[in-house]
Amino acid sequence: MGKYTSWDGPPGAGGRALPADPPVSEPKRTVGLVGATGVGVSAIVGGGIFVLAGVAFSTAGPGAVLAFFFNGVIAALTALSFAEMSTAFPESGGTYSFAHRVLSVRAAFGVGWILCFAYIVAAALYALGFGHYAGEALRGLVVMVGYAPPIG
């Protein structure tokens, strides 16, 4: 006979016996290399291509195509250099480690701060693009509901 829990007294004293709840198991985390890469690629595609492309084309017009081409070339060269560096310095903080070993401690310190600044600027640009996109979406929603959008 299995283990029972009772909520109206013991099972033999007229109470109802209920089976105990099965043990609760935590779900296993299964995000591997492919899943993590997919999250990164989707963030780049969602933020960089769909949102910021609209803002760039509305501002720069056809010249944005040339800017995107040069940006793609620079991004490919950066990806290749980071891939080469990650094989040479597999520990965490590859850029800092490279500057520390090849140049000096001061140069590595500067490289670390430059990377922090670059990540902050990239995050700000994504936030500006998303803000512009969200503002236009809300403006369209207000018009769809039947109100006049605010001027500005």
N, C-alpha and C. Protein backbone atom coordinates (compact mmCIF):
# COMPACT_ATOMS: atom_id res chain seq x y z
N MET A 1 0.83 -1.17 0.00
CA MET A 1 0.00 0.00 0.00
C MET A 1 0.89 1.24 0.00
N GLY A 2 0.53 2.24 -0.83
CA GLY A 2 1.35 3.43 -0.96
C GLY A 2 1.15 4.38 0.20
N LYS A 3 1.92 5.43 0.19
CA LYS A 3 1.84 6.44 1.24
C LYS A 3 0.63 7.33 0.97
N TYR A 4 -0.14 7.62 2.00
CA TYR A 4 -1.32 8.45 1.88
C TYR A 4 -1.22 9.63 2.82
N THR A 5 -1.80 10.73 2.40
CA THR A 5 -1.95 11.87 3.30
C THR A 5 -3.43 12.05 3.56
N SER A 6 -3.79 12.47 4.71
CA SER A 6 -5.18 12.59 5.09
C SER A 6 -5.49 14.02 5.43
N TRP A 7 -6.66 14.49 5.08
CA TRP A 7 -7.05 15.83 5.43
C TRP A 7 -8.30 15.87 6.27
N ASP A 8 -8.92 14.72 6.58
CA ASP A 8 -10.04 14.66 7.52
C ASP A 8 -9.75 13.67 8.64
N GLY A 9 -8.55 13.50 9.01
CA GLY A 9 -8.19 12.54 10.05
C GLY A 9 -7.48 11.36 9.43
N PRO A 10 -7.08 10.41 10.23
CA PRO A 10 -6.38 9.24 9.71
C PRO A 10 -7.32 8.39 8.84
N PRO A 11 -6.75 7.60 7.90
CA PRO A 11 -7.58 6.83 6.97
C PRO A 11 -8.57 5.90 7.65
N GLY A 12 -8.28 5.35 8.78
CA GLY A 12 -9.19 4.42 9.44
C GLY A 12 -10.24 5.09 10.29
N ALA A 13 -10.23 6.40 10.45
CA ALA A 13 -11.14 7.09 11.36
C ALA A 13 -12.24 7.81 10.60
N GLY A 14 -12.65 7.30 9.45
CA GLY A 14 -13.75 7.90 8.71
C GLY A 14 -13.32 9.03 7.78
N GLY A 15 -12.07 9.41 7.79
CA GLY A 15 -11.60 10.46 6.91
C GLY A 15 -11.27 9.91 5.53
N ARG A 16 -11.13 10.79 4.59
CA ARG A 16 -10.77 10.37 3.25
C ARG A 16 -9.25 10.43 3.09
N ALA A 17 -8.70 9.39 2.57
CA ALA A 17 -7.26 9.36 2.34
C ALA A 17 -6.98 9.71 0.88
N LEU A 18 -6.03 10.57 0.67
CA LEU A 18 -5.65 10.99 -0.67
C LEU A 18 -4.23 10.53 -0.95
N PRO A 19 -3.97 10.12 -2.19
CA PRO A 19 -2.58 9.76 -2.50
C PRO A 19 -1.69 11.01 -2.43
N ALA A 20 -0.47 10.81 -2.01
CA ALA A 20 0.49 11.92 -1.89
C ALA A 20 0.83 12.45 -3.28
N ASP A 21 1.16 13.73 -3.35
CA ASP A 21 1.56 14.34 -4.62
C ASP A 21 2.87 13.72 -5.08
N PRO A 22 3.00 13.51 -6.39
CA PRO A 22 4.29 12.97 -6.87
C PRO A 22 5.38 14.00 -6.67
N PRO A 23 6.61 13.54 -6.54
CA PRO A 23 7.71 14.49 -6.35
C PRO A 23 7.83 15.41 -7.57
N VAL A 24 8.10 16.69 -7.30
CA VAL A 24 8.23 17.68 -8.37
C VAL A 24 9.68 17.72 -8.81
N SER A 25 9.89 17.61 -10.11
CA SER A 25 11.26 17.67 -10.62
C SER A 25 11.43 18.97 -11.40
N GLU A 26 12.59 19.55 -11.30
CA GLU A 26 12.91 20.78 -12.01
C GLU A 26 13.17 20.44 -13.48
N PRO A 27 12.70 21.27 -14.40
CA PRO A 27 13.03 21.01 -15.81
C PRO A 27 14.52 21.23 -16.07
N LYS A 28 15.05 20.43 -16.94
CA LYS A 28 16.47 20.53 -17.26
C LYS A 28 16.70 21.66 -18.25
N ARG A 29 17.78 22.37 -18.07
CA ARG A 29 18.14 23.43 -19.01
C ARG A 29 18.87 22.80 -20.18
N THR A 30 18.36 23.04 -21.36
CA THR A 30 18.90 22.36 -22.52
C THR A 30 19.36 23.31 -23.62
N VAL A 31 19.66 24.55 -23.30
CA VAL A 31 20.14 25.47 -24.32
C VAL A 31 21.62 25.18 -24.54
N GLY A 32 21.91 24.71 -25.72
CA GLY A 32 23.29 24.41 -26.06
C GLY A 32 23.88 25.46 -26.98
N LEU A 33 24.90 25.08 -27.70
CA LEU A 33 25.60 26.00 -28.60
C LEU A 33 24.67 26.47 -29.72
N VAL A 34 23.92 25.56 -30.29
CA VAL A 34 23.04 25.92 -31.41
C VAL A 34 21.93 26.86 -30.93
N GLY A 35 21.33 26.58 -29.77
CA GLY A 35 20.28 27.43 -29.25
C GLY A 35 20.78 28.81 -28.88
N ALA A 36 21.94 28.88 -28.24
CA ALA A 36 22.51 30.18 -27.87
C ALA A 36 22.90 30.98 -29.12
N THR A 37 23.42 30.30 -30.12
CA THR A 37 23.74 30.99 -31.37
C THR A 37 22.47 31.49 -32.04
N GLY A 38 21.41 30.71 -31.98
CA GLY A 38 20.14 31.13 -32.55
C GLY A 38 19.57 32.37 -31.87
N VAL A 39 19.72 32.45 -30.55
CA VAL A 39 19.25 33.63 -29.83
C VAL A 39 20.05 34.86 -30.28
N GLY A 40 21.36 34.72 -30.41
CA GLY A 40 22.18 35.84 -30.84
C GLY A 40 21.88 36.29 -32.26
N VAL A 41 21.72 35.32 -33.16
CA VAL A 41 21.42 35.66 -34.55
C VAL A 41 20.04 36.31 -34.66
N SER A 42 19.07 35.80 -33.93
CA SER A 42 17.73 36.40 -33.99
C SER A 42 17.72 37.82 -33.42
N ALA A 43 18.53 38.08 -32.41
CA ALA A 43 18.62 39.45 -31.88
C ALA A 43 19.25 40.39 -32.90
N ILE A 44 20.26 39.90 -33.61
CA ILE A 44 20.90 40.72 -34.64
C ILE A 44 19.94 40.97 -35.80
N VAL A 45 19.25 39.92 -36.24
CA VAL A 45 18.33 40.08 -37.35
C VAL A 45 17.16 40.97 -36.96
N GLY A 46 16.59 40.74 -35.79
CA GLY A 46 15.43 41.51 -35.36
C GLY A 46 15.77 42.97 -35.13
N GLY A 47 16.84 43.24 -34.43
CA GLY A 47 17.19 44.62 -34.12
C GLY A 47 17.93 45.32 -35.22
N GLY A 48 18.84 44.62 -35.88
CA GLY A 48 19.70 45.28 -36.84
C GLY A 48 19.14 45.38 -38.24
N ILE A 49 18.38 44.39 -38.65
CA ILE A 49 17.90 44.41 -40.03
C ILE A 49 16.49 44.97 -40.12
N PHE A 50 15.57 44.46 -39.32
CA PHE A 50 14.18 44.86 -39.46
C PHE A 50 13.90 46.24 -38.88
N VAL A 51 14.41 46.54 -37.71
CA VAL A 51 14.08 47.82 -37.06
C VAL A 51 14.97 48.93 -37.58
N LEU A 52 16.28 48.76 -37.50
CA LEU A 52 17.18 49.85 -37.86
C LEU A 52 17.25 50.12 -39.35
N ALA A 53 16.93 49.13 -40.19
CA ALA A 53 16.94 49.38 -41.63
C ALA A 53 15.86 50.39 -42.01
N GLY A 54 14.70 50.29 -41.40
CA GLY A 54 13.63 51.25 -41.68
C GLY A 54 14.02 52.65 -41.27
N VAL A 55 14.64 52.78 -40.12
CA VAL A 55 15.08 54.10 -39.66
C VAL A 55 16.16 54.64 -40.59
N ALA A 56 17.10 53.79 -41.01
CA ALA A 56 18.19 54.25 -41.88
C ALA A 56 17.67 54.68 -43.24
N PHE A 57 16.76 53.90 -43.82
CA PHE A 57 16.24 54.26 -45.14
C PHE A 57 15.37 55.50 -45.10
N SER A 58 14.64 55.70 -44.00
CA SER A 58 13.83 56.91 -43.92
C SER A 58 14.70 58.15 -43.73
N THR A 59 15.88 57.99 -43.15
CA THR A 59 16.78 59.12 -42.92
C THR A 59 17.71 59.36 -44.10
N ALA A 60 18.40 58.31 -44.55
CA ALA A 60 19.45 58.48 -45.57
C ALA A 60 19.00 58.18 -46.98
N GLY A 61 17.85 57.55 -47.15
CA GLY A 61 17.37 57.23 -48.49
C GLY A 61 18.20 56.14 -49.13
N PRO A 62 18.43 56.22 -50.44
CA PRO A 62 19.16 55.17 -51.14
C PRO A 62 20.62 55.04 -50.72
N GLY A 63 21.19 56.07 -50.11
CA GLY A 63 22.57 55.99 -49.64
C GLY A 63 22.75 54.99 -48.52
N ALA A 64 21.65 54.58 -47.90
CA ALA A 64 21.73 53.60 -46.81
C ALA A 64 22.19 52.24 -47.33
N VAL A 65 21.91 51.93 -48.60
CA VAL A 65 22.36 50.65 -49.17
C VAL A 65 23.88 50.58 -49.15
N LEU A 66 24.53 51.66 -49.54
CA LEU A 66 25.99 51.70 -49.51
C LEU A 66 26.52 51.59 -48.09
N ALA A 67 25.86 52.27 -47.17
CA ALA A 67 26.27 52.19 -45.76
C ALA A 67 26.12 50.77 -45.23
N PHE A 68 25.03 50.08 -45.58
CA PHE A 68 24.85 48.70 -45.14
C PHE A 68 25.88 47.78 -45.77
N PHE A 69 26.28 48.03 -47.01
CA PHE A 69 27.31 47.22 -47.65
C PHE A 69 28.64 47.35 -46.90
N PHE A 70 29.05 48.59 -46.64
CA PHE A 70 30.31 48.80 -45.91
C PHE A 70 30.23 48.24 -44.50
N ASN A 71 29.07 48.38 -43.87
CA ASN A 71 28.89 47.81 -42.54
C ASN A 71 29.01 46.29 -42.57
N GLY A 72 28.48 45.65 -43.61
CA GLY A 72 28.61 44.21 -43.74
C GLY A 72 30.04 43.76 -43.93
N VAL A 73 30.81 44.50 -44.74
CA VAL A 73 32.22 44.17 -44.95
C VAL A 73 32.99 44.30 -43.64
N ILE A 74 32.75 45.39 -42.92
CA ILE A 74 33.43 45.60 -41.64
C ILE A 74 33.03 44.53 -40.64
N ALA A 75 31.74 44.16 -40.61
CA ALA A 75 31.28 43.12 -39.68
C ALA A 75 31.91 41.77 -40.02
N ALA A 76 32.05 41.45 -41.30
CA ALA A 76 32.69 40.19 -41.69
C ALA A 76 34.15 40.16 -41.28
N LEU A 77 34.87 41.26 -41.51
CA LEU A 77 36.27 41.31 -41.09
C LEU A 77 36.41 41.22 -39.58
N THR A 78 35.50 41.88 -38.86
CA THR A 78 35.53 41.81 -37.39
C THR A 78 35.24 40.39 -36.92
N ALA A 79 34.27 39.71 -37.54
CA ALA A 79 33.95 38.34 -37.15
C ALA A 79 35.14 37.41 -37.41
N LEU A 80 35.80 37.59 -38.55
CA LEU A 80 36.97 36.75 -38.85
C LEU A 80 38.11 37.01 -37.87
N SER A 81 38.33 38.26 -37.52
CA SER A 81 39.41 38.55 -36.57
C SER A 81 39.08 38.02 -35.18
N PHE A 82 37.81 38.11 -34.77
CA PHE A 82 37.43 37.56 -33.46
C PHE A 82 37.53 36.04 -33.47
N ALA A 83 37.19 35.40 -34.58
CA ALA A 83 37.33 33.94 -34.67
C ALA A 83 38.79 33.52 -34.57
N GLU A 84 39.66 34.26 -35.23
CA GLU A 84 41.10 33.96 -35.15
C GLU A 84 41.61 34.18 -33.73
N MET A 85 41.17 35.25 -33.11
CA MET A 85 41.64 35.56 -31.75
C MET A 85 41.12 34.53 -30.74
N SER A 86 39.88 34.06 -30.95
CA SER A 86 39.33 33.10 -30.00
C SER A 86 40.03 31.75 -30.07
N THR A 87 40.61 31.41 -31.22
CA THR A 87 41.38 30.17 -31.29
C THR A 87 42.76 30.35 -30.67
N ALA A 88 43.31 31.55 -30.77
CA ALA A 88 44.63 31.79 -30.19
C ALA A 88 44.56 31.99 -28.68
N PHE A 89 43.46 32.59 -28.20
CA PHE A 89 43.28 32.87 -26.76
C PHE A 89 41.90 32.36 -26.35
N PRO A 90 41.79 31.06 -26.04
CA PRO A 90 40.46 30.48 -25.79
C PRO A 90 39.84 30.86 -24.44
N GLU A 91 40.59 31.47 -23.54
CA GLU A 91 40.01 31.82 -22.25
C GLU A 91 39.07 33.01 -22.39
N SER A 92 38.26 33.23 -21.36
CA SER A 92 37.30 34.32 -21.38
C SER A 92 38.01 35.67 -21.45
N GLY A 93 37.41 36.62 -22.15
CA GLY A 93 38.02 37.93 -22.29
C GLY A 93 39.13 37.93 -23.31
N GLY A 94 38.88 37.32 -24.46
CA GLY A 94 39.91 37.14 -25.48
C GLY A 94 40.55 38.43 -25.96
N THR A 95 39.75 39.47 -26.13
CA THR A 95 40.31 40.73 -26.61
C THR A 95 41.25 41.33 -25.59
N TYR A 96 40.82 41.33 -24.33
CA TYR A 96 41.68 41.84 -23.26
C TYR A 96 42.95 40.99 -23.14
N SER A 97 42.78 39.66 -23.19
CA SER A 97 43.93 38.76 -23.07
C SER A 97 44.93 38.99 -24.20
N PHE A 98 44.42 39.19 -25.42
CA PHE A 98 45.29 39.45 -26.55
C PHE A 98 46.08 40.74 -26.33
N ALA A 99 45.39 41.82 -25.96
CA ALA A 99 46.08 43.09 -25.74
C ALA A 99 47.07 42.99 -24.59
N HIS A 100 46.72 42.22 -23.56
CA HIS A 100 47.61 42.08 -22.40
C HIS A 100 48.89 41.33 -22.78
N ARG A 101 48.74 40.26 -23.55
CA ARG A 101 49.91 39.46 -23.91
C ARG A 101 50.76 40.11 -25.00
N VAL A 102 50.11 40.74 -25.97
CA VAL A 102 50.85 41.26 -27.12
C VAL A 102 51.35 42.68 -26.87
N LEU A 103 50.54 43.52 -26.25
CA LEU A 103 50.92 44.92 -26.08
C LEU A 103 51.39 45.18 -24.65
N SER A 104 50.51 45.67 -23.79
CA SER A 104 50.89 45.94 -22.40
C SER A 104 49.64 45.95 -21.54
N VAL A 105 49.84 46.10 -20.24
CA VAL A 105 48.71 46.14 -19.32
C VAL A 105 47.88 47.40 -19.56
N ARG A 106 48.53 48.51 -19.81
CA ARG A 106 47.80 49.76 -20.08
C ARG A 106 46.96 49.65 -21.35
N ALA A 107 47.54 49.07 -22.38
CA ALA A 107 46.79 48.89 -23.63
C ALA A 107 45.60 47.96 -23.41
N ALA A 108 45.79 46.90 -22.64
CA ALA A 108 44.69 45.98 -22.35
C ALA A 108 43.59 46.68 -21.56
N PHE A 109 43.99 47.52 -20.62
CA PHE A 109 43.02 48.30 -19.85
C PHE A 109 42.20 49.19 -20.78
N GLY A 110 42.89 49.86 -21.72
CA GLY A 110 42.20 50.72 -22.68
C GLY A 110 41.28 49.93 -23.59
N VAL A 111 41.73 48.77 -24.05
CA VAL A 111 40.92 47.93 -24.92
C VAL A 111 39.66 47.47 -24.20
N GLY A 112 39.79 47.09 -22.95
CA GLY A 112 38.62 46.67 -22.17
C GLY A 112 37.58 47.78 -22.05
N TRP A 113 38.05 48.98 -21.76
CA TRP A 113 37.11 50.11 -21.65
C TRP A 113 36.53 50.50 -22.99
N ILE A 114 37.30 50.41 -24.05
CA ILE A 114 36.78 50.71 -25.38
C ILE A 114 35.68 49.72 -25.75
N LEU A 115 35.89 48.44 -25.42
CA LEU A 115 34.86 47.45 -25.70
C LEU A 115 33.59 47.72 -24.89
N CYS A 116 33.76 48.09 -23.61
CA CYS A 116 32.58 48.43 -22.80
C CYS A 116 31.83 49.60 -23.42
N PHE A 117 32.55 50.62 -23.85
CA PHE A 117 31.92 51.77 -24.47
C PHE A 117 31.22 51.37 -25.77
N ALA A 118 31.85 50.51 -26.57
CA ALA A 118 31.24 50.08 -27.82
C ALA A 118 29.95 49.32 -27.57
N TYR A 119 29.93 48.47 -26.54
CA TYR A 119 28.70 47.73 -26.22
C TYR A 119 27.60 48.68 -25.73
N ILE A 120 27.97 49.69 -24.98
CA ILE A 120 26.98 50.66 -24.51
C ILE A 120 26.41 51.45 -25.69
N VAL A 121 27.27 51.88 -26.61
CA VAL A 121 26.80 52.61 -27.78
C VAL A 121 25.89 51.72 -28.63
N ALA A 122 26.26 50.47 -28.82
CA ALA A 122 25.41 49.56 -29.59
C ALA A 122 24.06 49.37 -28.92
N ALA A 123 24.05 49.22 -27.61
CA ALA A 123 22.78 49.08 -26.89
C ALA A 123 21.93 50.33 -27.02
N ALA A 124 22.57 51.50 -26.97
CA ALA A 124 21.82 52.76 -27.12
C ALA A 124 21.24 52.87 -28.52
N LEU A 125 21.99 52.46 -29.54
CA LEU A 125 21.47 52.52 -30.91
C LEU A 125 20.30 51.57 -31.09
N TYR A 126 20.40 50.37 -30.53
CA TYR A 126 19.27 49.44 -30.60
C TYR A 126 18.06 50.01 -29.86
N ALA A 127 18.29 50.64 -28.72
CA ALA A 127 17.18 51.23 -27.97
C ALA A 127 16.54 52.38 -28.75
N LEU A 128 17.33 53.20 -29.42
CA LEU A 128 16.78 54.28 -30.24
C LEU A 128 15.96 53.72 -31.40
N GLY A 129 16.48 52.72 -32.05
CA GLY A 129 15.73 52.10 -33.15
C GLY A 129 14.43 51.48 -32.68
N PHE A 130 14.48 50.78 -31.56
CA PHE A 130 13.26 50.17 -31.03
C PHE A 130 12.28 51.25 -30.59
N GLY A 131 12.78 52.33 -29.98
CA GLY A 131 11.90 53.42 -29.56
C GLY A 131 11.18 54.06 -30.74
N HIS A 132 11.91 54.26 -31.83
CA HIS A 132 11.30 54.82 -33.03
C HIS A 132 10.24 53.87 -33.58
N TYR A 133 10.57 52.60 -33.64
CA TYR A 133 9.64 51.58 -34.14
C TYR A 133 8.41 51.49 -33.24
N ALA A 134 8.60 51.48 -31.93
CA ALA A 134 7.48 51.39 -30.99
C ALA A 134 6.60 52.64 -31.07
N GLY A 135 7.22 53.82 -31.23
CA GLY A 135 6.45 55.05 -31.37
C GLY A 135 5.56 55.03 -32.60
N GLU A 136 6.11 54.57 -33.72
CA GLU A 136 5.31 54.48 -34.95
C GLU A 136 4.20 53.45 -34.81
N ALA A 137 4.48 52.34 -34.14
CA ALA A 137 3.45 51.32 -33.93
C ALA A 137 2.34 51.86 -33.04
N LEU A 138 2.68 52.58 -31.98
CA LEU A 138 1.65 53.17 -31.12
C LEU A 138 0.86 54.24 -31.85
N ARG A 139 1.53 55.02 -32.68
CA ARG A 139 0.82 56.04 -33.48
C ARG A 139 -0.19 55.37 -34.40
N GLY A 140 0.21 54.28 -35.04
CA GLY A 140 -0.71 53.54 -35.90
C GLY A 140 -1.86 52.93 -35.13
N LEU A 141 -1.59 52.46 -33.91
CA LEU A 141 -2.64 51.90 -33.07
C LEU A 141 -3.65 52.97 -32.67
N VAL A 142 -3.17 54.17 -32.35
CA VAL A 142 -4.06 55.27 -31.98
C VAL A 142 -4.95 55.65 -33.16
N VAL A 143 -4.38 55.69 -34.36
CA VAL A 143 -5.16 56.01 -35.55
C VAL A 143 -6.18 54.91 -35.82
N MET A 144 -5.78 53.66 -35.61
CA MET A 144 -6.68 52.54 -35.86
C MET A 144 -7.87 52.55 -34.89
N VAL A 145 -7.65 52.99 -33.66
CA VAL A 145 -8.73 53.07 -32.68
C VAL A 145 -9.68 54.20 -33.02
N GLY A 146 -9.20 55.24 -33.68
CA GLY A 146 -10.06 56.31 -34.11
C GLY A 146 -9.74 57.67 -33.53
N TYR A 147 -8.63 57.79 -32.85
CA TYR A 147 -8.23 59.09 -32.30
C TYR A 147 -7.21 59.74 -33.20
N ALA A 148 -7.10 61.04 -33.09
CA ALA A 148 -6.09 61.78 -33.85
C ALA A 148 -4.74 61.62 -33.15
N PRO A 149 -3.68 61.26 -33.90
CA PRO A 149 -2.38 61.10 -33.26
C PRO A 149 -1.82 62.45 -32.84
N PRO A 150 -1.01 62.45 -31.80
CA PRO A 150 -0.37 63.70 -31.39
C PRO A 150 0.61 64.17 -32.47
N ILE A 151 0.76 65.46 -32.58
CA ILE A 151 1.65 66.04 -33.60
C ILE A 151 3.06 66.07 -33.03
N GLY A 152 4.03 65.61 -33.82
CA GLY A 152 5.41 65.69 -33.35
C GLY A 152 6.29 64.62 -33.79
